[in-house]
Amino acid sequence: MVKITRISTPQAQIVDVIEQILDLAKRGEIKNIALAAEHSSNGEVLTGYANADVNERQYLMSHIQSDITMAIVAANIEEV
C-alpha cells in the first residue's frame, strides 16, 4: 500500500495548501493531480484534473478516501 502523506492539517489556510502543491509542481515533483473545491457562496463543487486519465483519477481518489477513513477511525478509536 502506498503511504498517504498529508500536505497540511485540516486547519491550514486554503492558499497555503495550494502554494505547497504549486511549489512541488514547479520543482517537477508532482506527476498528476485531482482537485475538488466547494465554492464559498453557492456551494457548487469545482473539480479538476491534470495529467490524469480515468484510472489515475480513481487511484488518487482512493487515497483521499483512505485518508478520510483513517480520520473517522481516529475520531472513534475509543469505540473500536
Protein backbone atom coordinates (compact mmCIF):
# COMPACT_ATOMS: atom_id res chain seq x y z
CA MET A 1 0.00 0.00 0.00
CA VAL A 2 1.17 3.50 -0.79
CA LYS A 3 1.83 5.80 2.15
CA ILE A 4 -0.55 8.76 2.43
CA THR A 5 1.29 11.98 3.23
CA ARG A 6 -0.86 14.90 4.30
CA ILE A 7 0.20 18.20 2.77
CA SER A 8 -1.31 20.19 5.61
CA THR A 9 -3.57 19.87 8.61
CA PRO A 10 -7.32 20.44 8.22
CA GLN A 11 -6.92 23.81 9.94
CA ALA A 12 -4.50 25.11 7.31
CA GLN A 13 -5.43 28.01 5.09
CA ILE A 14 -6.51 27.08 1.58
CA VAL A 15 -3.91 29.32 -0.07
CA ASP A 16 -1.13 27.70 1.98
CA VAL A 17 -2.10 24.23 0.75
CA ILE A 18 -2.29 25.40 -2.87
CA GLU A 19 1.09 27.13 -2.56
CA GLN A 20 2.68 23.95 -1.16
CA ILE A 21 1.37 21.94 -4.11
CA LEU A 22 2.42 24.66 -6.55
CA ASP A 23 5.97 24.64 -5.15
CA LEU A 24 6.16 20.86 -5.59
CA ALA A 25 4.81 21.15 -9.14
CA LYS A 26 7.32 23.88 -10.05
CA ARG A 27 10.12 21.56 -8.92
CA GLY A 28 8.70 18.78 -11.10
CA GLU A 29 7.73 16.64 -8.10
CA ILE A 30 4.04 16.28 -9.00
CA LYS A 31 3.12 13.59 -11.54
CA ASN A 32 -0.61 14.32 -11.64
CA ILE A 33 -3.32 15.97 -9.57
CA ALA A 34 -7.00 15.66 -8.75
CA LEU A 35 -8.75 18.62 -7.19
CA ALA A 36 -12.17 19.26 -5.69
CA ALA A 37 -13.22 22.52 -4.09
CA GLU A 38 -16.51 23.87 -2.78
CA HIS A 39 -17.42 27.40 -3.84
CA SER A 40 -17.99 29.55 -0.74
CA SER A 41 -21.05 31.47 -1.95
CA ASN A 42 -23.14 28.96 -3.89
CA GLY A 43 -21.97 25.52 -2.69
CA GLU A 44 -21.02 24.43 -6.21
CA VAL A 45 -18.27 21.82 -6.23
CA LEU A 46 -15.48 22.50 -8.68
CA THR A 47 -13.39 19.57 -9.86
CA GLY A 48 -10.33 19.38 -11.99
CA TYR A 49 -7.59 17.01 -13.04
CA ALA A 50 -4.22 17.41 -14.66
CA ASN A 51 -2.21 14.70 -16.37
CA ALA A 52 -4.57 12.02 -15.02
CA ASP A 53 -6.60 9.57 -17.05
CA VAL A 54 -9.64 7.88 -15.53
CA ASN A 55 -7.55 5.15 -13.86
CA GLU A 56 -5.16 7.66 -12.32
CA ARG A 57 -8.10 9.77 -11.12
CA GLN A 58 -9.56 6.73 -9.37
CA TYR A 59 -6.16 5.93 -7.87
CA LEU A 60 -5.83 9.46 -6.48
CA MET A 61 -9.41 9.50 -5.17
CA SER A 62 -8.94 6.14 -3.44
CA HIS A 63 -6.10 7.66 -1.43
CA ILE A 64 -8.28 10.58 -0.41
CA GLN A 65 -10.96 8.10 0.67
CA SER A 66 -8.37 6.13 2.66
CA ASP A 67 -7.30 9.33 4.41
CA ILE A 68 -10.94 10.09 5.29
CA THR A 69 -11.47 6.56 6.60
CA MET A 70 -8.38 6.84 8.82
CA ALA A 71 -9.66 10.16 10.21
CA ILE A 72 -13.02 8.54 11.03
CA VAL A 73 -11.30 5.64 12.78
CA ALA A 74 -9.02 8.01 14.72
CA ALA A 75 -12.00 10.08 15.86
CA ASN A 76 -13.76 6.97 17.11
CA ILE A 77 -10.82 4.90 18.32
CA GLU A 78 -12.24 4.61 21.83
CA GLU A 79 -15.27 2.80 20.41
CA VAL A 80 -13.32 0.45 18.17
